[in-house]
Amino acid sequence: MDGIAIARSLAVAALLASPAAALAQTQNVKPRGNYPFVEIRDTQHRVVQGPVENNVVPLWPVRTCFGWVVTLPERNRTVDYVEIQRQPAPTRFTGGGFVANETSDTTTRKARAAIGKDGLLSHAWCVNDADPEGEVRFEIHVEGRFVAEFRFCAVKLPADAPVRLGELTCPQKFLGS
């Protein structure tokens, strides 16, 4: 492999490693601070747009995923964290690793993650066909302390609507748009 091929391989590996790395690569910026992101996938679950730093989520089941990135002072260690997701109304949660409350509008996920030298921690969820329109909130707690809250605007759009994630804005007042 020549130097260019090796560099490309490393860039692809970095994109697959984390949403934060992918966001930095696609926007040509260094990851920093805390921020939300959104991405759109095709029917084979390949990312076709994003991840883009934004908090507006088209409600397209399986196709749209959204998440958060926090930058921690902890470096090169493993941390325990808790992610609390609050939906505006009941929905259906699938998969494992979390506990849904009795009204099916909130989940709590406890996890452990390795934090590298960049201090980045991230997680993403994909939309399902029962997700409601409105504000979705995430609270992130690391090692027992609150570190961030993210507010997303979930919007219904026609499945074939042409969308540029970076240009979407929330029509609701709760996000200050």
N, C-alpha and C. Protein backbone atom coordinates (compact mmCIF):
# COMPACT_ATOMS: atom_id res chain seq x y z
N MET A 1 0.83 -1.17 0.00
CA MET A 1 0.00 0.00 0.00
C MET A 1 0.88 1.24 0.00
N ASP A 2 0.56 2.23 -0.85
CA ASP A 2 1.34 3.46 -0.84
C ASP A 2 0.84 4.38 0.26
N GLY A 3 1.53 5.50 0.48
CA GLY A 3 1.20 6.43 1.55
C GLY A 3 -0.21 6.98 1.45
N ILE A 4 -0.67 7.27 0.24
CA ILE A 4 -2.02 7.81 0.07
C ILE A 4 -3.06 6.77 0.42
N ALA A 5 -2.86 5.53 0.00
CA ALA A 5 -3.81 4.45 0.32
C ALA A 5 -3.87 4.21 1.82
N ILE A 6 -2.72 4.26 2.48
CA ILE A 6 -2.70 4.08 3.94
C ILE A 6 -3.45 5.23 4.61
N ALA A 7 -3.23 6.45 4.16
CA ALA A 7 -3.93 7.60 4.75
C ALA A 7 -5.43 7.48 4.56
N ARG A 8 -5.86 7.05 3.37
CA ARG A 8 -7.30 6.87 3.14
C ARG A 8 -7.88 5.79 4.04
N SER A 9 -7.14 4.68 4.20
CA SER A 9 -7.60 3.61 5.07
C SER A 9 -7.75 4.09 6.50
N LEU A 10 -6.79 4.88 6.97
CA LEU A 10 -6.87 5.42 8.32
C LEU A 10 -8.03 6.39 8.46
N ALA A 11 -8.30 7.19 7.43
CA ALA A 11 -9.42 8.13 7.48
C ALA A 11 -10.74 7.38 7.55
N VAL A 12 -10.89 6.31 6.77
CA VAL A 12 -12.11 5.50 6.80
C VAL A 12 -12.27 4.86 8.18
N ALA A 13 -11.19 4.34 8.74
CA ALA A 13 -11.26 3.73 10.07
C ALA A 13 -11.69 4.77 11.10
N ALA A 14 -11.19 5.98 10.99
CA ALA A 14 -11.57 7.04 11.93
C ALA A 14 -13.05 7.38 11.80
N LEU A 15 -13.56 7.40 10.57
CA LEU A 15 -14.98 7.69 10.36
C LEU A 15 -15.86 6.62 10.98
N LEU A 16 -15.42 5.39 10.94
CA LEU A 16 -16.22 4.30 11.49
C LEU A 16 -16.08 4.22 13.01
N ALA A 17 -15.05 4.82 13.57
CA ALA A 17 -14.77 4.69 14.99
C ALA A 17 -15.80 5.38 15.87
N SER A 18 -16.24 6.58 15.50
CA SER A 18 -17.19 7.28 16.34
C SER A 18 -17.89 8.37 15.57
N PRO A 19 -19.11 8.72 15.99
CA PRO A 19 -19.79 9.84 15.35
C PRO A 19 -18.99 11.13 15.47
N ALA A 20 -18.31 11.34 16.57
CA ALA A 20 -17.53 12.56 16.74
C ALA A 20 -16.42 12.64 15.70
N ALA A 21 -15.73 11.54 15.50
CA ALA A 21 -14.66 11.52 14.50
C ALA A 21 -15.23 11.71 13.10
N ALA A 22 -16.37 11.09 12.84
CA ALA A 22 -17.00 11.24 11.53
C ALA A 22 -17.42 12.68 11.30
N LEU A 23 -17.98 13.31 12.32
CA LEU A 23 -18.41 14.70 12.20
C LEU A 23 -17.21 15.58 11.92
N ALA A 24 -16.13 15.37 12.62
CA ALA A 24 -14.94 16.17 12.41
C ALA A 24 -14.40 15.99 11.00
N GLN A 25 -14.41 14.76 10.51
CA GLN A 25 -13.89 14.48 9.18
C GLN A 25 -14.76 15.11 8.09
N THR A 26 -16.11 14.96 8.21
CA THR A 26 -16.98 15.45 7.17
C THR A 26 -17.08 16.96 7.17
N GLN A 27 -16.95 17.60 8.32
CA GLN A 27 -17.04 19.06 8.37
C GLN A 27 -15.67 19.71 8.41
N ASN A 28 -14.62 18.91 8.44
CA ASN A 28 -13.25 19.40 8.46
C ASN A 28 -13.01 20.34 9.64
N VAL A 29 -13.55 19.96 10.80
CA VAL A 29 -13.32 20.73 12.02
C VAL A 29 -12.88 19.78 13.12
N LYS A 30 -12.18 20.32 14.10
CA LYS A 30 -11.77 19.51 15.25
C LYS A 30 -12.95 19.35 16.19
N PRO A 31 -13.18 18.14 16.72
CA PRO A 31 -14.24 17.98 17.70
C PRO A 31 -13.96 18.85 18.92
N ARG A 32 -15.02 19.47 19.45
CA ARG A 32 -14.86 20.32 20.59
C ARG A 32 -16.16 20.40 21.36
N GLY A 33 -16.07 20.59 22.63
CA GLY A 33 -17.24 20.81 23.45
C GLY A 33 -18.29 19.73 23.35
N ASN A 34 -19.51 20.13 23.64
CA ASN A 34 -20.66 19.22 23.58
C ASN A 34 -21.54 19.65 22.43
N TYR A 35 -22.05 18.68 21.67
CA TYR A 35 -22.93 19.04 20.56
C TYR A 35 -23.78 17.85 20.13
N PRO A 36 -24.96 18.15 19.55
CA PRO A 36 -25.84 17.12 19.00
C PRO A 36 -25.48 16.87 17.53
N PHE A 37 -25.87 15.71 17.02
CA PHE A 37 -25.67 15.45 15.59
C PHE A 37 -26.82 14.60 15.05
N VAL A 38 -26.99 14.66 13.73
CA VAL A 38 -28.03 13.91 13.03
C VAL A 38 -27.40 13.34 11.76
N GLU A 39 -27.85 12.13 11.37
CA GLU A 39 -27.39 11.54 10.10
C GLU A 39 -28.54 10.80 9.44
N ILE A 40 -28.44 10.66 8.13
CA ILE A 40 -29.44 9.92 7.35
C ILE A 40 -28.76 8.73 6.72
N ARG A 41 -29.44 7.59 6.75
CA ARG A 41 -28.90 6.35 6.20
C ARG A 41 -29.78 5.84 5.07
N ASP A 42 -29.20 4.96 4.24
CA ASP A 42 -29.98 4.35 3.17
C ASP A 42 -30.56 3.01 3.64
N THR A 43 -31.18 2.26 2.74
CA THR A 43 -31.83 1.00 3.12
C THR A 43 -30.84 -0.07 3.56
N GLN A 44 -29.56 0.08 3.22
CA GLN A 44 -28.52 -0.85 3.69
C GLN A 44 -27.86 -0.34 4.97
N HIS A 45 -28.42 0.70 5.56
CA HIS A 45 -27.96 1.31 6.81
C HIS A 45 -26.61 2.02 6.66
N ARG A 46 -26.26 2.40 5.43
CA ARG A 46 -25.03 3.17 5.20
C ARG A 46 -25.37 4.65 5.33
N VAL A 47 -24.47 5.41 5.95
CA VAL A 47 -24.67 6.84 6.11
C VAL A 47 -24.56 7.51 4.74
N VAL A 48 -25.60 8.26 4.36
CA VAL A 48 -25.60 8.97 3.08
C VAL A 48 -25.54 10.48 3.27
N GLN A 49 -25.82 10.94 4.50
CA GLN A 49 -25.73 12.36 4.80
C GLN A 49 -25.41 12.51 6.29
N GLY A 50 -24.35 13.24 6.56
CA GLY A 50 -23.98 13.46 7.95
C GLY A 50 -22.84 12.56 8.36
N PRO A 51 -22.57 12.50 9.64
CA PRO A 51 -23.29 13.21 10.67
C PRO A 51 -23.06 14.72 10.57
N VAL A 52 -24.13 15.46 10.86
CA VAL A 52 -24.10 16.91 10.80
C VAL A 52 -24.46 17.44 12.18
N GLU A 53 -23.76 18.44 12.63
CA GLU A 53 -24.06 19.05 13.92
C GLU A 53 -25.38 19.81 13.77
N ASN A 54 -26.44 19.23 14.33
CA ASN A 54 -27.77 19.82 14.27
C ASN A 54 -28.63 19.10 15.29
N ASN A 55 -29.78 19.67 15.62
CA ASN A 55 -30.67 19.02 16.57
C ASN A 55 -32.07 18.83 16.00
N VAL A 56 -32.22 18.95 14.68
CA VAL A 56 -33.51 18.72 14.04
C VAL A 56 -33.48 17.32 13.41
N VAL A 57 -34.45 16.47 13.83
CA VAL A 57 -34.46 15.07 13.45
C VAL A 57 -35.69 14.75 12.61
N PRO A 58 -35.52 14.45 11.31
CA PRO A 58 -36.66 13.99 10.53
C PRO A 58 -37.12 12.63 11.05
N LEU A 59 -38.41 12.46 11.23
CA LEU A 59 -38.94 11.20 11.75
C LEU A 59 -39.09 10.18 10.62
N TRP A 60 -37.96 9.68 10.16
CA TRP A 60 -37.91 8.66 9.13
C TRP A 60 -37.38 7.40 9.78
N PRO A 61 -38.25 6.43 10.06
CA PRO A 61 -37.82 5.21 10.76
C PRO A 61 -36.62 4.53 10.09
N VAL A 62 -35.69 4.13 10.91
CA VAL A 62 -34.46 3.43 10.55
C VAL A 62 -33.50 4.32 9.76
N ARG A 63 -34.01 5.20 8.93
CA ARG A 63 -33.17 6.04 8.08
C ARG A 63 -32.47 7.16 8.83
N THR A 64 -33.10 7.71 9.87
CA THR A 64 -32.53 8.85 10.57
C THR A 64 -32.03 8.41 11.94
N CYS A 65 -30.81 8.80 12.25
CA CYS A 65 -30.24 8.54 13.56
C CYS A 65 -29.76 9.87 14.13
N PHE A 66 -29.79 9.98 15.43
CA PHE A 66 -29.37 11.22 16.07
C PHE A 66 -28.69 10.90 17.39
N GLY A 67 -27.80 11.76 17.78
CA GLY A 67 -27.06 11.49 19.00
C GLY A 67 -26.36 12.72 19.52
N TRP A 68 -25.44 12.49 20.42
CA TRP A 68 -24.76 13.56 21.12
C TRP A 68 -23.29 13.21 21.29
N VAL A 69 -22.51 14.25 21.50
CA VAL A 69 -21.09 14.11 21.79
C VAL A 69 -20.78 15.03 22.97
N VAL A 70 -20.07 14.51 23.96
CA VAL A 70 -19.56 15.35 25.05
C VAL A 70 -18.05 15.20 25.08
N THR A 71 -17.39 16.28 25.43
CA THR A 71 -15.94 16.27 25.58
C THR A 71 -15.65 16.32 27.07
N LEU A 72 -14.98 15.30 27.56
CA LEU A 72 -14.72 15.15 28.98
C LEU A 72 -13.28 15.51 29.32
N PRO A 73 -13.05 15.97 30.55
CA PRO A 73 -11.67 16.21 30.96
C PRO A 73 -10.92 14.90 31.19
N GLU A 74 -11.68 13.82 31.44
CA GLU A 74 -11.05 12.51 31.62
C GLU A 74 -10.44 12.07 30.29
N ARG A 75 -9.23 11.58 30.32
CA ARG A 75 -8.56 11.13 29.10
C ARG A 75 -7.96 9.75 29.35
N ASN A 76 -7.95 8.94 28.30
CA ASN A 76 -7.30 7.64 28.34
C ASN A 76 -7.72 6.81 29.54
N ARG A 77 -9.03 6.66 29.72
CA ARG A 77 -9.54 5.83 30.80
C ARG A 77 -10.95 5.38 30.46
N THR A 78 -11.49 4.53 31.29
CA THR A 78 -12.85 4.05 31.10
C THR A 78 -13.75 4.74 32.12
N VAL A 79 -14.92 5.17 31.66
CA VAL A 79 -15.87 5.85 32.55
C VAL A 79 -17.22 5.15 32.50
N ASP A 80 -17.97 5.28 33.59
CA ASP A 80 -19.35 4.84 33.64
C ASP A 80 -20.22 6.06 33.38
N TYR A 81 -21.27 5.87 32.54
CA TYR A 81 -22.15 7.01 32.30
C TYR A 81 -23.60 6.54 32.23
N VAL A 82 -24.49 7.50 32.43
CA VAL A 82 -25.92 7.26 32.37
C VAL A 82 -26.51 8.24 31.37
N GLU A 83 -27.33 7.71 30.47
CA GLU A 83 -28.00 8.52 29.45
C GLU A 83 -29.51 8.38 29.70
N ILE A 84 -30.18 9.50 29.91
CA ILE A 84 -31.63 9.48 30.11
C ILE A 84 -32.25 10.16 28.90
N GLN A 85 -33.11 9.43 28.19
CA GLN A 85 -33.79 9.95 27.00
C GLN A 85 -35.25 10.16 27.34
N ARG A 86 -35.75 11.36 27.06
CA ARG A 86 -37.16 11.67 27.31
C ARG A 86 -37.83 12.04 25.99
N GLN A 87 -38.87 11.29 25.64
CA GLN A 87 -39.66 11.56 24.44
C GLN A 87 -40.85 12.43 24.82
N PRO A 88 -41.45 13.15 23.87
CA PRO A 88 -42.59 14.00 24.19
C PRO A 88 -43.89 13.23 24.45
N ALA A 89 -43.91 11.96 24.10
CA ALA A 89 -45.10 11.11 24.28
C ALA A 89 -44.64 9.66 24.26
N PRO A 90 -45.51 8.73 24.60
CA PRO A 90 -45.10 7.31 24.57
C PRO A 90 -44.60 6.89 23.19
N THR A 91 -43.64 5.99 23.19
CA THR A 91 -43.12 5.41 21.96
C THR A 91 -42.75 3.96 22.24
N ARG A 92 -42.15 3.32 21.28
CA ARG A 92 -41.72 1.94 21.44
C ARG A 92 -40.20 1.92 21.40
N PHE A 93 -39.60 1.39 22.43
CA PHE A 93 -38.15 1.27 22.48
C PHE A 93 -37.79 -0.18 22.20
N THR A 94 -36.82 -0.38 21.31
CA THR A 94 -36.37 -1.73 21.00
C THR A 94 -34.88 -1.85 21.26
N GLY A 95 -34.43 -3.06 21.41
CA GLY A 95 -33.03 -3.29 21.67
C GLY A 95 -32.80 -3.54 23.14
N GLY A 96 -31.57 -3.58 23.53
CA GLY A 96 -31.24 -3.86 24.92
C GLY A 96 -30.33 -2.81 25.50
N GLY A 97 -30.00 -3.00 26.75
CA GLY A 97 -29.07 -2.11 27.39
C GLY A 97 -29.70 -0.89 28.04
N PHE A 98 -31.03 -0.81 28.08
CA PHE A 98 -31.69 0.32 28.70
C PHE A 98 -32.95 -0.15 29.40
N VAL A 99 -33.50 0.70 30.24
CA VAL A 99 -34.74 0.43 30.95
C VAL A 99 -35.73 1.52 30.56
N ALA A 100 -36.92 1.13 30.10
CA ALA A 100 -37.98 2.10 29.76
C ALA A 100 -38.88 2.27 30.98
N ASN A 101 -39.39 3.50 31.18
CA ASN A 101 -40.29 3.71 32.30
C ASN A 101 -41.68 3.15 31.98
N GLU A 102 -42.58 3.20 32.96
CA GLU A 102 -43.90 2.57 32.81
C GLU A 102 -44.78 3.25 31.78
N THR A 103 -44.52 4.53 31.44
CA THR A 103 -45.35 5.20 30.43
C THR A 103 -44.70 5.18 29.04
N SER A 104 -43.59 4.50 28.91
CA SER A 104 -42.89 4.33 27.62
C SER A 104 -42.52 5.64 26.94
N ASP A 105 -42.18 6.65 27.75
CA ASP A 105 -41.70 7.89 27.15
C ASP A 105 -40.29 8.27 27.60
N THR A 106 -39.70 7.45 28.46
CA THR A 106 -38.36 7.74 28.97
C THR A 106 -37.57 6.45 29.10
N THR A 107 -36.30 6.52 28.74
CA THR A 107 -35.40 5.38 28.97
C THR A 107 -34.20 5.85 29.77
N THR A 108 -33.62 4.90 30.48
CA THR A 108 -32.37 5.13 31.18
C THR A 108 -31.41 4.05 30.72
N ARG A 109 -30.25 4.48 30.27
CA ARG A 109 -29.23 3.56 29.78
C ARG A 109 -27.96 3.78 30.57
N LYS A 110 -27.48 2.72 31.21
CA LYS A 110 -26.20 2.77 31.93
C LYS A 110 -25.17 2.05 31.07
N ALA A 111 -24.02 2.67 30.92
CA ALA A 111 -23.00 2.07 30.07
C ALA A 111 -21.62 2.43 30.58
N ARG A 112 -20.66 1.80 29.98
CA ARG A 112 -19.25 2.03 30.28
C ARG A 112 -18.57 2.25 28.93
N ALA A 113 -17.66 3.23 28.89
CA ALA A 113 -17.00 3.53 27.62
C ALA A 113 -15.55 3.92 27.86
N ALA A 114 -14.72 3.58 26.90
CA ALA A 114 -13.32 3.99 26.92
C ALA A 114 -13.22 5.39 26.34
N ILE A 115 -12.55 6.26 27.03
CA ILE A 115 -12.34 7.63 26.58
C ILE A 115 -10.89 7.73 26.13
N GLY A 116 -10.70 8.17 24.90
CA GLY A 116 -9.35 8.28 24.36
C GLY A 116 -8.70 9.60 24.71
N LYS A 117 -7.61 9.91 24.04
CA LYS A 117 -6.88 11.14 24.33
C LYS A 117 -7.64 12.40 23.93
N ASP A 118 -8.69 12.23 23.08
CA ASP A 118 -9.50 13.38 22.68
C ASP A 118 -10.60 13.71 23.70
N GLY A 119 -10.88 12.82 24.65
CA GLY A 119 -11.89 13.06 25.68
C GLY A 119 -13.32 12.91 25.21
N LEU A 120 -13.54 12.35 24.02
CA LEU A 120 -14.89 12.30 23.44
C LEU A 120 -15.67 11.07 23.89
N LEU A 121 -16.94 11.31 24.23
CA LEU A 121 -17.91 10.27 24.55
C LEU A 121 -19.14 10.57 23.72
N SER A 122 -19.71 9.54 23.07
CA SER A 122 -20.88 9.79 22.23
C SER A 122 -21.78 8.55 22.18
N HIS A 123 -23.02 8.80 21.79
CA HIS A 123 -23.97 7.72 21.59
C HIS A 123 -25.06 8.21 20.64
N ALA A 124 -25.67 7.29 19.90
CA ALA A 124 -26.73 7.66 18.96
C ALA A 124 -27.88 6.66 19.03
N TRP A 125 -29.06 7.12 18.64
CA TRP A 125 -30.27 6.31 18.54
C TRP A 125 -30.85 6.52 17.14
N CYS A 126 -31.53 5.52 16.62
CA CYS A 126 -32.20 5.67 15.34
C CYS A 126 -33.71 5.76 15.56
N VAL A 127 -34.36 6.51 14.71
CA VAL A 127 -35.80 6.73 14.79
C VAL A 127 -36.54 5.44 14.49
N ASN A 128 -37.68 5.22 15.17
CA ASN A 128 -38.55 4.10 14.82
C ASN A 128 -39.93 4.63 14.43
N ASP A 129 -40.78 3.76 13.93
CA ASP A 129 -42.07 4.21 13.40
C ASP A 129 -43.07 4.66 14.46
N ALA A 130 -42.74 4.51 15.74
CA ALA A 130 -43.64 4.94 16.81
C ALA A 130 -43.16 6.23 17.49
N ASP A 131 -42.03 6.77 17.06
CA ASP A 131 -41.51 7.98 17.69
C ASP A 131 -42.41 9.17 17.42
N PRO A 132 -42.74 9.94 18.47
CA PRO A 132 -43.63 11.09 18.32
C PRO A 132 -42.90 12.36 17.90
N GLU A 133 -43.64 13.26 17.32
CA GLU A 133 -43.12 14.57 16.96
C GLU A 133 -42.99 15.40 18.23
N GLY A 134 -42.01 16.27 18.26
CA GLY A 134 -41.83 17.17 19.40
C GLY A 134 -40.41 17.15 19.93
N GLU A 135 -40.25 17.61 21.17
CA GLU A 135 -38.93 17.73 21.78
C GLU A 135 -38.48 16.41 22.40
N VAL A 136 -37.27 15.99 22.04
CA VAL A 136 -36.62 14.82 22.65
C VAL A 136 -35.42 15.36 23.43
N ARG A 137 -35.32 14.97 24.69
CA ARG A 137 -34.21 15.45 25.53
C ARG A 137 -33.35 14.29 25.99
N PHE A 138 -32.06 14.56 26.07
CA PHE A 138 -31.10 13.61 26.62
C PHE A 138 -30.36 14.30 27.76
N GLU A 139 -30.27 13.61 28.89
CA GLU A 139 -29.41 14.05 30.00
C GLU A 139 -28.26 13.06 30.06
N ILE A 140 -27.05 13.59 30.20
CA ILE A 140 -25.86 12.75 30.27
C ILE A 140 -25.19 12.97 31.63
N HIS A 141 -24.97 11.87 32.33
CA HIS A 141 -24.28 11.89 33.62
C HIS A 141 -23.06 10.99 33.51
N VAL A 142 -21.90 11.49 33.90
CA VAL A 142 -20.66 10.71 33.84
C VAL A 142 -20.09 10.61 35.25
N GLU A 143 -19.79 9.37 35.65
CA GLU A 143 -19.23 9.12 36.98
C GLU A 143 -20.09 9.78 38.06
N GLY A 144 -21.43 9.73 37.87
CA GLY A 144 -22.35 10.25 38.86
C GLY A 144 -22.60 11.74 38.83
N ARG A 145 -22.02 12.46 37.88
CA ARG A 145 -22.28 13.90 37.81
C ARG A 145 -22.89 14.28 36.46
N PHE A 146 -23.82 15.23 36.52
CA PHE A 146 -24.47 15.74 35.31
C PHE A 146 -23.44 16.50 34.48
N VAL A 147 -23.35 16.17 33.16
CA VAL A 147 -22.38 16.86 32.31
C VAL A 147 -23.02 17.59 31.12
N ALA A 148 -24.23 17.17 30.70
CA ALA A 148 -24.82 17.84 29.54
C ALA A 148 -26.28 17.48 29.38
N GLU A 149 -27.01 18.38 28.71
CA GLU A 149 -28.38 18.10 28.26
C GLU A 149 -28.46 18.50 26.80
N PHE A 150 -29.12 17.65 26.02
CA PHE A 150 -29.32 17.92 24.60
C PHE A 150 -30.80 17.91 24.31
N ARG A 151 -31.25 18.88 23.52
CA ARG A 151 -32.66 18.98 23.14
C ARG A 151 -32.75 18.87 21.61
N PHE A 152 -33.52 17.89 21.16
CA PHE A 152 -33.72 17.67 19.73
C PHE A 152 -35.15 18.02 19.37
N CYS A 153 -35.35 18.39 18.14
CA CYS A 153 -36.66 18.69 17.60
C CYS A 153 -37.00 17.60 16.58
N ALA A 154 -37.90 16.69 16.94
CA ALA A 154 -38.31 15.61 16.03
C ALA A 154 -39.47 16.13 15.17
N VAL A 155 -39.29 16.12 13.85
CA VAL A 155 -40.29 16.69 12.94
C VAL A 155 -40.71 15.66 11.90
N LYS A 156 -42.00 15.69 11.57
CA LYS A 156 -42.50 14.83 10.50
C LYS A 156 -42.27 15.53 9.17
N LEU A 157 -41.66 14.79 8.26
CA LEU A 157 -41.42 15.27 6.90
C LEU A 157 -41.81 14.15 5.95
N PRO A 158 -42.26 14.48 4.74
CA PRO A 158 -42.55 13.42 3.77
C PRO A 158 -41.30 12.57 3.53
N ALA A 159 -41.49 11.27 3.36
CA ALA A 159 -40.38 10.33 3.21
C ALA A 159 -39.48 10.67 2.03
N ASP A 160 -40.03 11.30 1.01
CA ASP A 160 -39.24 11.62 -0.18
C ASP A 160 -38.82 13.09 -0.22
N ALA A 161 -38.97 13.80 0.88
CA ALA A 161 -38.60 15.22 0.92
C ALA A 161 -37.09 15.38 0.74
N PRO A 162 -36.69 16.30 -0.14
CA PRO A 162 -35.25 16.58 -0.25
C PRO A 162 -34.82 17.33 1.00
N VAL A 163 -33.77 16.83 1.66
CA VAL A 163 -33.35 17.41 2.92
C VAL A 163 -31.84 17.60 2.92
N ARG A 164 -31.42 18.76 3.41
CA ARG A 164 -30.02 19.01 3.73
C ARG A 164 -29.99 19.22 5.23
N LEU A 165 -29.45 18.23 5.94
CA LEU A 165 -29.50 18.24 7.40
C LEU A 165 -29.00 19.54 8.02
N GLY A 166 -27.95 20.09 7.50
CA GLY A 166 -27.39 21.31 8.05
C GLY A 166 -28.28 22.52 7.91
N GLU A 167 -29.31 22.44 7.06
CA GLU A 167 -30.20 23.58 6.83
C GLU A 167 -31.55 23.45 7.53
N LEU A 168 -31.81 22.30 8.17
CA LEU A 168 -33.08 22.12 8.86
C LEU A 168 -33.15 23.00 10.10
N THR A 169 -34.31 23.57 10.35
CA THR A 169 -34.55 24.33 11.56
C THR A 169 -35.82 23.83 12.20
N CYS A 170 -35.91 24.02 13.49
CA CYS A 170 -37.06 23.54 14.24
C CYS A 170 -38.20 24.56 14.16
N PRO A 171 -39.38 24.11 13.78
CA PRO A 171 -40.51 25.05 13.72
C PRO A 171 -41.12 25.33 15.08
N GLN A 172 -40.66 24.66 16.11
CA GLN A 172 -41.25 24.79 17.44
C GLN A 172 -40.50 25.83 18.27
N LYS A 173 -41.20 26.50 19.16
CA LYS A 173 -40.62 27.53 20.01
C LYS A 173 -39.74 26.94 21.13
N PHE A 174 -39.96 25.66 21.50
CA PHE A 174 -39.23 25.13 22.63
C PHE A 174 -37.73 25.04 22.42
N LEU A 175 -37.28 25.12 21.18
CA LEU A 175 -35.84 25.08 20.92
C LEU A 175 -35.29 26.46 20.60
N GLY A 176 -36.10 27.49 20.75
CA GLY A 176 -35.64 28.85 20.53
C GLY A 176 -35.41 29.19 19.07
N SER A 177 -36.06 28.48 18.16
CA SER A 177 -35.88 28.75 16.72
C SER A 177 -36.67 29.96 16.29
